[in-house]
């Protein structure tokens, strides 16, 4: 099996080089051929096209932004390789949703070893966002989620702090504070319920049934959002559908962030395989937690299914527990590298 590791050297507080050395020395099955590549934003497209062609498995080592950039290129391959994830980012939403975060925290590279040995794959939907502006159009692929409005502004404000947070030698749970600060700033700036978007949907509550203008629209393909703050358990990343949520104000959006783990608190509009809406006022947007820019007034946004990618399934939670229990019985401790305390 030809395996390619794409490692973001800035992710995980700059731990990419250490991970590369661990990968090179790790005793993967004899049939596994390893290649390690450090991502370079300036020539990432060339790296993916030259290195990932004819590979059986591509392991993306980084956060949601790194996954987005590489997957956005892999979807254009005639026969995309199977993908897997080593979570080194702050949010790690896709790794959390697919189970790779749990596997990495518990088993480290041993979890990847056993997943490769089992070779069980699943499917992962990808989506295309097309922004039709007066002067042209912008296209962007996303995997986990996309948002227009409040969270777009939060991601934009966070990007100014990202350089500092990426260098902090601290767990990702501590780094999430850097998301909270821009969040409070946006909340206080958007106390008035300005309507940025006009949709074809109607609000699900009778009192607002004739009102289809919103301040925030959120598209979920994966159940984990905002670093696991929200766990929308009914969202499925392999059913060809998006869970679409809309909010009348930024305050309603922040209340959802606080109550998102409560199943009954569901402000969702609909489940769709495509979506279209109009931008009434200039608004920022994000995909997979990365700030994309501004959607100008009068533009139209169309979101539709792009294609399905195969992904390598990690070990299930009970299998992880059984492996750890087996190691403890044999040696009274887990193998070196099995637990990753830096990922929390």
C-alpha atoms as a PDB file:
ATOM      1  CA  UNK A   1       0.000   0.000   0.000  1.00  0.00           C
ATOM      2  CA  UNK A   2       1.363   3.398  -1.044  1.00  0.00           C
ATOM      3  CA  UNK A   3       0.789   5.844   1.845  1.00  0.00           C
ATOM      4  CA  UNK A   4       1.389   9.587   1.671  1.00  0.00           C
ATOM      5  CA  UNK A   5       1.537  11.764   4.796  1.00  0.00           C
ATOM      6  CA  UNK A   6       0.843  15.466   4.242  1.00  0.00           C
ATOM      7  CA  UNK A   7       2.003  17.304   7.381  1.00  0.00           C
ATOM      8  CA  UNK A   8       1.270  20.948   8.122  1.00  0.00           C
ATOM      9  CA  UNK A   9       4.522  22.018   9.844  1.00  0.00           C
ATOM     10  CA  UNK A  10       2.764  24.903  11.648  1.00  0.00           C
ATOM     11  CA  UNK A  11      -0.013  22.783  13.142  1.00  0.00           C
ATOM     12  CA  UNK A  12       0.171  21.273  16.612  1.00  0.00           C
ATOM     13  CA  UNK A  13       2.371  24.119  17.923  1.00  0.00           C
ATOM     14  CA  UNK A  14       4.944  23.289  15.277  1.00  0.00           C
ATOM     15  CA  UNK A  15       5.132  19.579  16.148  1.00  0.00           C
ATOM     16  CA  UNK A  16       5.155  18.474  12.505  1.00  0.00           C
ATOM     17  CA  UNK A  17       8.867  17.632  12.400  1.00  0.00           C
ATOM     18  CA  UNK A  18       8.588  15.462  15.500  1.00  0.00           C
ATOM     19  CA  UNK A  19       5.605  13.658  13.993  1.00  0.00           C
ATOM     20  CA  UNK A  20       7.532  13.086  10.754  1.00  0.00           C
ATOM     21  CA  UNK A  21      10.363  11.408  12.670  1.00  0.00           C
ATOM     22  CA  UNK A  22       7.878   9.212  14.532  1.00  0.00           C
ATOM     23  CA  UNK A  23       6.237   8.190  11.257  1.00  0.00           C
ATOM     24  CA  UNK A  24       9.579   7.308   9.658  1.00  0.00           C
ATOM     25  CA  UNK A  25      10.605   5.118  12.591  1.00  0.00           C
ATOM     26  CA  UNK A  26       7.205   3.562  13.291  1.00  0.00           C
ATOM     27  CA  UNK A  27       6.955  -0.163  12.388  1.00  0.00           C
ATOM     28  CA  UNK A  28       4.049  -0.081   9.946  1.00  0.00           C
ATOM     29  CA  UNK A  29       3.216  -3.336   8.115  1.00  0.00           C
ATOM     30  CA  UNK A  30       5.900  -4.413   5.640  1.00  0.00           C
ATOM     31  CA  UNK A  31       3.491  -3.927   2.738  1.00  0.00           C
ATOM     32  CA  UNK A  32       3.135  -0.204   3.573  1.00  0.00           C
ATOM     33  CA  UNK A  33       5.323   2.250   1.670  1.00  0.00           C
ATOM     34  CA  UNK A  34       5.582   5.662   3.400  1.00  0.00           C
ATOM     35  CA  UNK A  35       6.216   9.124   1.984  1.00  0.00           C
ATOM     36  CA  UNK A  36       6.183  12.255   4.155  1.00  0.00           C
ATOM     37  CA  UNK A  37       5.625  15.711   2.655  1.00  0.00           C
ATOM     38  CA  UNK A  38       5.514  19.013   4.554  1.00  0.00           C
ATOM     39  CA  UNK A  39       2.836  21.251   3.093  1.00  0.00           C
ATOM     40  CA  UNK A  40       3.869  24.562   1.557  1.00  0.00           C
ATOM     41  CA  UNK A  41       0.924  26.950   1.014  1.00  0.00           C
ATOM     42  CA  UNK A  42       2.683  28.621  -1.915  1.00  0.00           C
ATOM     43  CA  UNK A  43       2.883  25.393  -3.916  1.00  0.00           C
ATOM     44  CA  UNK A  44       0.341  23.104  -2.295  1.00  0.00           C
ATOM     45  CA  UNK A  45      -1.487  22.429  -5.550  1.00  0.00           C
ATOM     46  CA  UNK A  46       1.709  21.218  -7.210  1.00  0.00           C
ATOM     47  CA  UNK A  47       2.558  19.100  -4.157  1.00  0.00           C
ATOM     48  CA  UNK A  48      -0.820  17.362  -4.131  1.00  0.00           C
ATOM     49  CA  UNK A  49      -0.903  16.693  -7.864  1.00  0.00           C
ATOM     50  CA  UNK A  50       2.679  15.437  -8.033  1.00  0.00           C
ATOM     51  CA  UNK A  51       2.708  13.372  -4.833  1.00  0.00           C
ATOM     52  CA  UNK A  52      -0.854  12.095  -4.339  1.00  0.00           C
ATOM     53  CA  UNK A  53      -1.333  10.674  -7.828  1.00  0.00           C
ATOM     54  CA  UNK A  54      -1.550   6.861  -7.707  1.00  0.00           C
ATOM     55  CA  UNK A  55      -1.332   6.786  -3.919  1.00  0.00           C
ATOM     56  CA  UNK A  56      -3.619   4.333  -2.129  1.00  0.00           C
ATOM     57  CA  UNK A  57      -3.942   6.324   1.091  1.00  0.00           C
ATOM     58  CA  UNK A  58      -3.375  10.013   1.880  1.00  0.00           C
ATOM     59  CA  UNK A  59      -3.100  10.860   5.587  1.00  0.00           C
ATOM     60  CA  UNK A  60      -3.655  14.570   6.226  1.00  0.00           C
ATOM     61  CA  UNK A  61      -1.882  15.742   9.382  1.00  0.00           C
ATOM     62  CA  UNK A  62      -3.217  19.117  10.482  1.00  0.00           C
ATOM     63  CA  UNK A  63      -6.426  20.912  11.344  1.00  0.00           C
ATOM     64  CA  UNK A  64      -9.682  21.484   9.481  1.00  0.00           C
ATOM     65  CA  UNK A  65      -8.104  24.184   7.323  1.00  0.00           C
ATOM     66  CA  UNK A  66      -5.340  21.858   6.136  1.00  0.00           C
ATOM     67  CA  UNK A  67      -7.890  19.138   5.396  1.00  0.00           C
ATOM     68  CA  UNK A  68     -10.020  21.586   3.418  1.00  0.00           C
ATOM     69  CA  UNK A  69      -7.148  22.772   1.234  1.00  0.00           C
ATOM     70  CA  UNK A  70      -5.983  19.255   0.360  1.00  0.00           C
ATOM     71  CA  UNK A  71      -9.446  17.747  -0.096  1.00  0.00           C
ATOM     72  CA  UNK A  72     -10.368  20.691  -2.367  1.00  0.00           C
ATOM     73  CA  UNK A  73      -7.648  19.442  -4.713  1.00  0.00           C
ATOM     74  CA  UNK A  74      -8.258  15.705  -4.318  1.00  0.00           C
ATOM     75  CA  UNK A  75     -11.916  15.997  -5.373  1.00  0.00           C
ATOM     76  CA  UNK A  76     -10.736  16.822  -8.899  1.00  0.00           C
ATOM     77  CA  UNK A  77      -8.753  13.588  -9.244  1.00  0.00           C
ATOM     78  CA  UNK A  78     -10.351  11.040 -11.620  1.00  0.00           C
ATOM     79  CA  UNK A  79      -9.885   8.402  -8.905  1.00  0.00           C
ATOM     80  CA  UNK A  80      -9.259  10.112  -5.549  1.00  0.00           C
ATOM     81  CA  UNK A  81      -7.232   8.158  -2.988  1.00  0.00           C
ATOM     82  CA  UNK A  82      -8.627   7.066   0.359  1.00  0.00           C
ATOM     83  CA  UNK A  83      -8.056   9.749   3.011  1.00  0.00           C
ATOM     84  CA  UNK A  84      -7.381   9.571   6.746  1.00  0.00           C
ATOM     85  CA  UNK A  85      -6.637  12.233   9.346  1.00  0.00           C
ATOM     86  CA  UNK A  86      -4.159  12.913  12.135  1.00  0.00           C
ATOM     87  CA  UNK A  87      -5.652  15.849  14.094  1.00  0.00           C
ATOM     88  CA  UNK A  88      -3.121  18.581  14.852  1.00  0.00           C
ATOM     89  CA  UNK A  89      -5.374  21.638  14.697  1.00  0.00           C
ATOM     90  CA  UNK A  90      -7.394  23.660  17.183  1.00  0.00           C
ATOM     91  CA  UNK A  91     -10.934  22.616  16.259  1.00  0.00           C
ATOM     92  CA  UNK A  92     -10.375  19.216  14.590  1.00  0.00           C
ATOM     93  CA  UNK A  93     -14.082  19.000  13.757  1.00  0.00           C
ATOM     94  CA  UNK A  94     -13.826  16.553  10.859  1.00  0.00           C
ATOM     95  CA  UNK A  95     -11.420  14.300  12.774  1.00  0.00           C
ATOM     96  CA  UNK A  96     -13.828  14.382  15.725  1.00  0.00           C
ATOM     97  CA  UNK A  97     -16.814  13.583  13.501  1.00  0.00           C
ATOM     98  CA  UNK A  98     -15.135  10.670  11.715  1.00  0.00           C
ATOM     99  CA  UNK A  99     -13.634   9.189  14.893  1.00  0.00           C
ATOM    100  CA  UNK A 100      -9.994   9.922  14.103  1.00  0.00           C
ATOM    101  CA  UNK A 101      -9.613  12.359  17.001  1.00  0.00           C
ATOM    102  CA  UNK A 102     -10.599   9.687  19.518  1.00  0.00           C
ATOM    103  CA  UNK A 103      -8.314   7.124  17.873  1.00  0.00           C
ATOM    104  CA  UNK A 104      -5.359   9.519  17.844  1.00  0.00           C
ATOM    105  CA  UNK A 105      -5.812  10.584  21.463  1.00  0.00           C
ATOM    106  CA  UNK A 106      -5.968   6.990  22.664  1.00  0.00           C
ATOM    107  CA  UNK A 107      -3.684   5.055  20.341  1.00  0.00           C
ATOM    108  CA  UNK A 108      -1.538   7.482  18.353  1.00  0.00           C
ATOM    109  CA  UNK A 109       0.118   5.875  15.324  1.00  0.00           C
ATOM    110  CA  UNK A 110      -0.896   2.457  16.635  1.00  0.00           C
ATOM    111  CA  UNK A 111      -4.485   3.377  15.814  1.00  0.00           C
ATOM    112  CA  UNK A 112      -3.489   4.182  12.233  1.00  0.00           C
ATOM    113  CA  UNK A 113      -1.551   0.900  12.040  1.00  0.00           C
ATOM    114  CA  UNK A 114      -4.606  -1.142  13.010  1.00  0.00           C
ATOM    115  CA  UNK A 115      -6.923   0.886  10.751  1.00  0.00           C
ATOM    116  CA  UNK A 116      -4.628   0.212   7.776  1.00  0.00           C
ATOM    117  CA  UNK A 117      -4.534  -3.465   8.678  1.00  0.00           C
ATOM    118  CA  UNK A 118      -8.348  -3.619   8.727  1.00  0.00           C
ATOM    119  CA  UNK A 119      -8.718  -1.419   5.593  1.00  0.00           C
ATOM    120  CA  UNK A 120     -12.368  -0.614   6.277  1.00  0.00           C
ATOM    121  CA  UNK A 121     -13.518   2.443   4.342  1.00  0.00           C
ATOM    122  CA  UNK A 122     -16.528   4.747   4.383  1.00  0.00           C
ATOM    123  CA  UNK A 123     -17.751   7.653   2.271  1.00  0.00           C
ATOM    124  CA  UNK A 124     -17.376  11.363   2.896  1.00  0.00           C
ATOM    125  CA  UNK A 125     -19.513  13.973   1.132  1.00  0.00           C
ATOM    126  CA  UNK A 126     -17.895  17.136  -0.176  1.00  0.00           C
ATOM    127  CA  UNK A 127     -19.751  20.293  -1.203  1.00  0.00           C
ATOM    128  CA  UNK A 128     -19.208  23.214  -3.537  1.00  0.00           C
ATOM    129  CA  UNK A 129     -20.075  26.788  -2.625  1.00  0.00           C
ATOM    130  CA  UNK A 130     -20.446  29.165  -5.579  1.00  0.00           C
ATOM    131  CA  UNK A 131     -20.631  32.890  -4.861  1.00  0.00           C
ATOM    132  CA  UNK A 132     -22.101  34.745  -7.851  1.00  0.00           C
ATOM    133  CA  UNK A 133     -20.856  38.333  -7.594  1.00  0.00           C
ATOM    134  CA  UNK A 134     -21.652  41.238  -9.916  1.00  0.00           C
ATOM    135  CA  UNK A 135     -18.169  40.919 -11.445  1.00  0.00           C
ATOM    136  CA  UNK A 136     -17.884  37.136 -11.645  1.00  0.00           C
ATOM    137  CA  UNK A 137     -18.035  34.110  -9.379  1.00  0.00           C
ATOM    138  CA  UNK A 138     -15.964  32.444  -6.656  1.00  0.00           C
ATOM    139  CA  UNK A 139     -15.987  28.685  -6.035  1.00  0.00           C
ATOM    140  CA  UNK A 140     -14.953  26.935  -2.834  1.00  0.00           C
ATOM    141  CA  UNK A 141     -15.149  23.289  -1.738  1.00  0.00           C
ATOM    142  CA  UNK A 142     -15.926  22.435   1.883  1.00  0.00           C
ATOM    143  CA  UNK A 143     -16.246  19.233   3.885  1.00  0.00           C
ATOM    144  CA  UNK A 144     -17.509  19.889   7.423  1.00  0.00           C
ATOM    145  CA  UNK A 145     -19.418  23.176   7.347  1.00  0.00           C
ATOM    146  CA  UNK A 146     -19.786  26.652   5.901  1.00  0.00           C
ATOM    147  CA  UNK A 147     -21.222  29.759   7.523  1.00  0.00           C
ATOM    148  CA  UNK A 148     -22.332  33.234   6.455  1.00  0.00           C
ATOM    149  CA  UNK A 149     -22.679  36.093   8.922  1.00  0.00           C
ATOM    150  CA  UNK A 150     -21.543  36.067  12.552  1.00  0.00           C
ATOM    151  CA  UNK A 151     -19.212  33.083  12.378  1.00  0.00           C
ATOM    152  CA  UNK A 152     -17.644  34.450   9.194  1.00  0.00           C
ATOM    153  CA  UNK A 153     -16.724  37.619  11.080  1.00  0.00           C
ATOM    154  CA  UNK A 154     -15.430  35.591  14.028  1.00  0.00           C
ATOM    155  CA  UNK A 155     -13.141  33.576  11.744  1.00  0.00           C
ATOM    156  CA  UNK A 156     -11.927  36.780  10.102  1.00  0.00           C
ATOM    157  CA  UNK A 157     -11.093  38.324  13.487  1.00  0.00           C
ATOM    158  CA  UNK A 158      -9.471  35.097  14.662  1.00  0.00           C
ATOM    159  CA  UNK A 159      -7.184  35.003  11.627  1.00  0.00           C
ATOM    160  CA  UNK A 160      -5.350  38.027  13.041  1.00  0.00           C
ATOM    161  CA  UNK A 161      -4.570  35.975  16.182  1.00  0.00           C
ATOM    162  CA  UNK A 162      -3.831  32.700  14.405  1.00  0.00           C
ATOM    163  CA  UNK A 163      -0.114  33.373  13.956  1.00  0.00           C
ATOM    164  CA  UNK A 164       0.260  33.794  17.715  1.00  0.00           C
ATOM    165  CA  UNK A 165      -1.985  30.885  18.735  1.00  0.00           C
ATOM    166  CA  UNK A 166      -0.264  28.437  16.360  1.00  0.00           C
ATOM    167  CA  UNK A 167       3.014  28.973  18.211  1.00  0.00           C
ATOM    168  CA  UNK A 168       1.645  28.523  21.713  1.00  0.00           C
ATOM    169  CA  UNK A 169       2.973  25.301  23.315  1.00  0.00           C
ATOM    170  CA  UNK A 170      -0.449  24.545  24.788  1.00  0.00           C
ATOM    171  CA  UNK A 171      -3.249  22.007  24.259  1.00  0.00           C
ATOM    172  CA  UNK A 172      -5.900  22.835  21.677  1.00  0.00           C
ATOM    173  CA  UNK A 173      -8.463  23.240  24.482  1.00  0.00           C
ATOM    174  CA  UNK A 174      -6.480  26.246  25.737  1.00  0.00           C
ATOM    175  CA  UNK A 175      -6.067  27.666  22.239  1.00  0.00           C
ATOM    176  CA  UNK A 176      -9.842  27.721  21.778  1.00  0.00           C
ATOM    177  CA  UNK A 177      -9.829  30.787  24.012  1.00  0.00           C
ATOM    178  CA  UNK A 178      -8.538  32.641  20.955  1.00  0.00           C
ATOM    179  CA  UNK A 179     -11.873  31.887  19.276  1.00  0.00           C
ATOM    180  CA  UNK A 180     -13.881  33.075  22.285  1.00  0.00           C
ATOM    181  CA  UNK A 181     -12.380  36.565  22.304  1.00  0.00           C
ATOM    182  CA  UNK A 182     -13.359  37.443  18.692  1.00  0.00           C
ATOM    183  CA  UNK A 183     -16.743  35.839  19.392  1.00  0.00           C
ATOM    184  CA  UNK A 184     -17.548  38.238  22.210  1.00  0.00           C
ATOM    185  CA  UNK A 185     -16.377  41.150  20.080  1.00  0.00           C
ATOM    186  CA  UNK A 186     -18.745  40.217  17.250  1.00  0.00           C
ATOM    187  CA  UNK A 187     -21.634  39.586  19.648  1.00  0.00           C
ATOM    188  CA  UNK A 188     -21.404  43.091  21.116  1.00  0.00           C
ATOM    189  CA  UNK A 189     -20.980  44.667  17.673  1.00  0.00           C
ATOM    190  CA  UNK A 190     -24.063  42.885  16.312  1.00  0.00           C
ATOM    191  CA  UNK A 191     -26.595  43.527  19.063  1.00  0.00           C
ATOM    192  CA  UNK A 192     -29.087  44.782  16.474  1.00  0.00           C
ATOM    193  CA  UNK A 193     -30.703  42.022  14.414  1.00  0.00           C
ATOM    194  CA  UNK A 194     -29.621  43.148  10.961  1.00  0.00           C
ATOM    195  CA  UNK A 195     -30.803  40.859   8.175  1.00  0.00           C
ATOM    196  CA  UNK A 196     -28.037  39.908   5.755  1.00  0.00           C
ATOM    197  CA  UNK A 197     -29.630  37.068   3.772  1.00  0.00           C
ATOM    198  CA  UNK A 198     -32.881  36.315   1.960  1.00  0.00           C
ATOM    199  CA  UNK A 199     -33.778  32.635   1.511  1.00  0.00           C
ATOM    200  CA  UNK A 200     -36.511  30.563  -0.084  1.00  0.00           C
ATOM    201  CA  UNK A 201     -37.223  28.929   3.274  1.00  0.00           C
ATOM    202  CA  UNK A 202     -39.550  30.058   6.002  1.00  0.00           C
ATOM    203  CA  UNK A 203     -38.746  30.112   9.699  1.00  0.00           C
ATOM    204  CA  UNK A 204     -40.164  26.964  11.358  1.00  0.00           C
ATOM    205  CA  UNK A 205     -42.078  28.862  14.043  1.00  0.00           C
ATOM    206  CA  UNK A 206     -45.635  30.088  13.206  1.00  0.00           C
ATOM    207  CA  UNK A 207     -45.046  33.586  14.603  1.00  0.00           C
ATOM    208  CA  UNK A 208     -42.353  34.149  11.963  1.00  0.00           C
ATOM    209  CA  UNK A 209     -43.726  31.989   9.169  1.00  0.00           C
ATOM    210  CA  UNK A 210     -43.750  34.830   6.643  1.00  0.00           C
ATOM    211  CA  UNK A 211     -40.255  36.080   7.423  1.00  0.00           C
ATOM    212  CA  UNK A 212     -37.420  34.586   5.365  1.00  0.00           C
ATOM    213  CA  UNK A 213     -34.611  37.084   6.087  1.00  0.00           C
ATOM    214  CA  UNK A 214     -31.801  36.062   8.461  1.00  0.00           C
ATOM    215  CA  UNK A 215     -28.615  37.293  10.134  1.00  0.00           C
ATOM    216  CA  UNK A 216     -26.684  34.010  10.092  1.00  0.00           C
ATOM    217  CA  UNK A 217     -26.891  30.893   7.911  1.00  0.00           C
ATOM    218  CA  UNK A 218     -24.992  27.741   8.791  1.00  0.00           C
ATOM    219  CA  UNK A 219     -24.531  24.623   6.652  1.00  0.00           C
ATOM    220  CA  UNK A 220     -23.493  21.457   8.506  1.00  0.00           C
ATOM    221  CA  UNK A 221     -22.184  18.337   6.797  1.00  0.00           C
ATOM    222  CA  UNK A 222     -20.440  16.923   9.890  1.00  0.00           C
ATOM    223  CA  UNK A 223     -21.919  16.719  13.403  1.00  0.00           C
ATOM    224  CA  UNK A 224     -19.052  18.552  15.129  1.00  0.00           C
ATOM    225  CA  UNK A 225     -18.962  22.343  14.802  1.00  0.00           C
ATOM    226  CA  UNK A 226     -16.756  25.019  16.391  1.00  0.00           C
ATOM    227  CA  UNK A 227     -14.284  22.596  17.930  1.00  0.00           C
ATOM    228  CA  UNK A 228     -16.974  20.322  19.332  1.00  0.00           C
ATOM    229  CA  UNK A 229     -18.871  23.093  21.128  1.00  0.00           C
ATOM    230  CA  UNK A 230     -21.883  21.964  19.102  1.00  0.00           C
ATOM    231  CA  UNK A 231     -22.569  18.263  18.562  1.00  0.00           C
ATOM    232  CA  UNK A 232     -25.442  17.930  16.076  1.00  0.00           C
ATOM    233  CA  UNK A 233     -25.835  14.171  16.331  1.00  0.00           C
ATOM    234  CA  UNK A 234     -28.425  13.868  13.565  1.00  0.00           C
ATOM    235  CA  UNK A 235     -26.049  15.287  10.928  1.00  0.00           C
ATOM    236  CA  UNK A 236     -24.537  12.627   8.659  1.00  0.00           C
ATOM    237  CA  UNK A 237     -21.478  13.345   6.495  1.00  0.00           C
ATOM    238  CA  UNK A 238     -22.236  10.508   4.057  1.00  0.00           C
ATOM    239  CA  UNK A 239     -25.961  10.882   3.278  1.00  0.00           C
ATOM    240  CA  UNK A 240     -25.705  13.470   0.492  1.00  0.00           C
ATOM    241  CA  UNK A 241     -27.578  16.061   2.590  1.00  0.00           C
ATOM    242  CA  UNK A 242     -26.725  19.304   4.378  1.00  0.00           C
ATOM    243  CA  UNK A 243     -28.342  20.409   7.621  1.00  0.00           C
ATOM    244  CA  UNK A 244     -29.214  24.080   7.092  1.00  0.00           C
ATOM    245  CA  UNK A 245     -29.687  26.370  10.080  1.00  0.00           C
ATOM    246  CA  UNK A 246     -30.617  30.037  10.061  1.00  0.00           C
ATOM    247  CA  UNK A 247     -30.787  32.604  12.842  1.00  0.00           C
ATOM    248  CA  UNK A 248     -32.699  35.854  13.138  1.00  0.00           C
ATOM    249  CA  UNK A 249     -29.894  37.570  15.031  1.00  0.00           C
ATOM    250  CA  UNK A 250     -26.339  37.048  16.197  1.00  0.00           C
ATOM    251  CA  UNK A 251     -27.718  36.708  19.721  1.00  0.00           C
ATOM    252  CA  UNK A 252     -29.792  33.708  18.599  1.00  0.00           C
ATOM    253  CA  UNK A 253     -26.667  32.225  17.027  1.00  0.00           C
ATOM    254  CA  UNK A 254     -24.670  32.611  20.252  1.00  0.00           C
ATOM    255  CA  UNK A 255     -27.518  31.062  22.248  1.00  0.00           C
ATOM    256  CA  UNK A 256     -27.313  28.094  19.904  1.00  0.00           C
ATOM    257  CA  UNK A 257     -23.576  27.892  20.571  1.00  0.00           C
ATOM    258  CA  UNK A 258     -24.347  27.725  24.292  1.00  0.00           C
ATOM    259  CA  UNK A 259     -27.195  25.221  23.934  1.00  0.00           C
ATOM    260  CA  UNK A 260     -26.071  23.315  20.852  1.00  0.00           C
ATOM    261  CA  UNK A 261     -25.604  20.062  22.736  1.00  0.00           C
ATOM    262  CA  UNK A 262     -29.298  20.013  23.635  1.00  0.00           C
ATOM    263  CA  UNK A 263     -31.073  17.961  20.978  1.00  0.00           C
ATOM    264  CA  UNK A 264     -34.384  19.801  21.317  1.00  0.00           C
ATOM    265  CA  UNK A 265     -32.692  23.132  20.629  1.00  0.00           C
ATOM    266  CA  UNK A 266     -32.788  22.829  16.833  1.00  0.00           C
ATOM    267  CA  UNK A 267     -33.227  26.105  14.924  1.00  0.00           C
ATOM    268  CA  UNK A 268     -32.677  24.254  11.647  1.00  0.00           C
ATOM    269  CA  UNK A 269     -34.634  25.202   8.566  1.00  0.00           C
ATOM    270  CA  UNK A 270     -34.276  22.092   6.486  1.00  0.00           C
ATOM    271  CA  UNK A 271     -32.154  19.229   5.241  1.00  0.00           C
ATOM    272  CA  UNK A 272     -31.162  19.812   1.630  1.00  0.00           C
ATOM    273  CA  UNK A 273     -29.000  18.440  -1.160  1.00  0.00           C
ATOM    274  CA  UNK A 274     -28.651  21.974  -2.559  1.00  0.00           C
ATOM    275  CA  UNK A 275     -29.361  25.501  -1.344  1.00  0.00           C
ATOM    276  CA  UNK A 276     -29.616  29.021  -2.762  1.00  0.00           C
ATOM    277  CA  UNK A 277     -29.934  32.430  -1.106  1.00  0.00           C
ATOM    278  CA  UNK A 278     -29.362  36.113  -1.794  1.00  0.00           C
ATOM    279  CA  UNK A 279     -27.032  38.457   0.102  1.00  0.00           C
ATOM    280  CA  UNK A 280     -28.862  41.629   1.209  1.00  0.00           C
ATOM    281  CA  UNK A 281     -25.897  43.303   2.959  1.00  0.00           C
ATOM    282  CA  UNK A 282     -22.134  42.753   2.764  1.00  0.00           C
ATOM    283  CA  UNK A 283     -21.333  39.739   4.948  1.00  0.00           C
ATOM    284  CA  UNK A 284     -18.262  37.676   5.766  1.00  0.00           C
ATOM    285  CA  UNK A 285     -18.237  33.909   5.346  1.00  0.00           C
ATOM    286  CA  UNK A 286     -16.113  30.902   6.270  1.00  0.00           C
ATOM    287  CA  UNK A 287     -15.656  27.304   5.167  1.00  0.00           C
ATOM    288  CA  UNK A 288     -14.333  24.607   7.499  1.00  0.00           C
ATOM    289  CA  UNK A 289     -13.348  27.289  10.010  1.00  0.00           C
ATOM    290  CA  UNK A 290     -11.231  29.296   7.543  1.00  0.00           C
ATOM    291  CA  UNK A 291     -12.136  32.920   6.764  1.00  0.00           C
ATOM    292  CA  UNK A 292     -12.854  33.269   3.041  1.00  0.00           C
ATOM    293  CA  UNK A 293     -13.681  36.947   2.641  1.00  0.00           C
ATOM    294  CA  UNK A 294     -16.776  39.034   2.040  1.00  0.00           C
ATOM    295  CA  UNK A 295     -19.945  38.239   0.102  1.00  0.00           C
ATOM    296  CA  UNK A 296     -20.988  41.574  -1.437  1.00  0.00           C
ATOM    297  CA  UNK A 297     -24.481  43.039  -1.434  1.00  0.00           C
ATOM    298  CA  UNK A 298     -26.603  41.717  -4.277  1.00  0.00           C
ATOM    299  CA  UNK A 299     -24.624  38.518  -4.779  1.00  0.00           C
ATOM    300  CA  UNK A 300     -26.207  35.069  -4.855  1.00  0.00           C
ATOM    301  CA  UNK A 301     -24.860  31.955  -3.137  1.00  0.00           C
ATOM    302  CA  UNK A 302     -25.509  28.467  -4.493  1.00  0.00           C
ATOM    303  CA  UNK A 303     -24.403  25.366  -2.581  1.00  0.00           C
ATOM    304  CA  UNK A 304     -24.547  21.879  -4.045  1.00  0.00           C
ATOM    305  CA  UNK A 305     -23.048  18.420  -3.691  1.00  0.00           C
ATOM    306  CA  UNK A 306     -19.561  18.108  -5.219  1.00  0.00           C
ATOM    307  CA  UNK A 307     -18.592  14.425  -4.969  1.00  0.00           C
ATOM    308  CA  UNK A 308     -17.996  11.554  -2.548  1.00  0.00           C
ATOM    309  CA  UNK A 309     -14.519  10.752  -1.237  1.00  0.00           C
ATOM    310  CA  UNK A 310     -13.506   7.435   0.357  1.00  0.00           C
ATOM    311  CA  UNK A 311     -12.038   7.677   3.848  1.00  0.00           C
ATOM    312  CA  UNK A 312     -10.311   5.115   6.042  1.00  0.00           C
ATOM    313  CA  UNK A 313     -12.396   4.284   9.097  1.00  0.00           C
ATOM    314  CA  UNK A 314     -10.538   4.411  12.428  1.00  0.00           C
ATOM    315  CA  UNK A 315     -10.970   1.801  15.117  1.00  0.00           C
ATOM    316  CA  UNK A 316     -14.296   2.033  16.902  1.00  0.00           C
ATOM    317  CA  UNK A 317     -14.347   3.228  20.496  1.00  0.00           C
ATOM    318  CA  UNK A 318     -14.826  -0.255  21.957  1.00  0.00           C
ATOM    319  CA  UNK A 319     -11.909  -1.606  19.897  1.00  0.00           C
ATOM    320  CA  UNK A 320      -9.683   1.207  21.194  1.00  0.00           C
ATOM    321  CA  UNK A 321     -10.630   0.314  24.760  1.00  0.00           C
ATOM    322  CA  UNK A 322      -9.958  -3.374  24.154  1.00  0.00           C
ATOM    323  CA  UNK A 323      -6.517  -2.648  22.699  1.00  0.00           C
ATOM    324  CA  UNK A 324      -5.564  -0.432  25.627  1.00  0.00           C
ATOM    325  CA  UNK A 325      -6.792  -3.059  28.086  1.00  0.00           C
ATOM    326  CA  UNK A 326      -4.780  -5.726  26.262  1.00  0.00           C
ATOM    327  CA  UNK A 327      -1.613  -3.621  26.413  1.00  0.00           C
ATOM    328  CA  UNK A 328      -2.083  -2.995  30.119  1.00  0.00           C
ATOM    329  CA  UNK A 329      -2.506  -6.695  30.810  1.00  0.00           C
ATOM    330  CA  UNK A 330       0.656  -7.572  28.884  1.00  0.00           C
ATOM    331  CA  UNK A 331       3.037  -4.851  30.013  1.00  0.00           C
ATOM    332  CA  UNK A 332       1.134  -2.748  32.543  1.00  0.00           C
ATOM    333  CA  UNK A 333       1.460   0.259  30.217  1.00  0.00           C
ATOM    334  CA  UNK A 334       0.515   1.364  26.705  1.00  0.00           C
ATOM    335  CA  UNK A 335       3.185   1.392  23.978  1.00  0.00           C
ATOM    336  CA  UNK A 336       5.130   4.595  23.507  1.00  0.00           C
ATOM    337  CA  UNK A 337       3.227   7.041  21.313  1.00  0.00           C
ATOM    338  CA  UNK A 338      -0.146   5.449  22.045  1.00  0.00           C
ATOM    339  CA  UNK A 339      -1.447   8.431  23.983  1.00  0.00           C
ATOM    340  CA  UNK A 340      -1.200  12.031  22.787  1.00  0.00           C
ATOM    341  CA  UNK A 341      -1.769  14.391  25.736  1.00  0.00           C
ATOM    342  CA  UNK A 342      -1.200  17.463  23.544  1.00  0.00           C
ATOM    343  CA  UNK A 343      -4.482  16.758  21.741  1.00  0.00           C
ATOM    344  CA  UNK A 344      -7.379  17.405  24.110  1.00  0.00           C
END
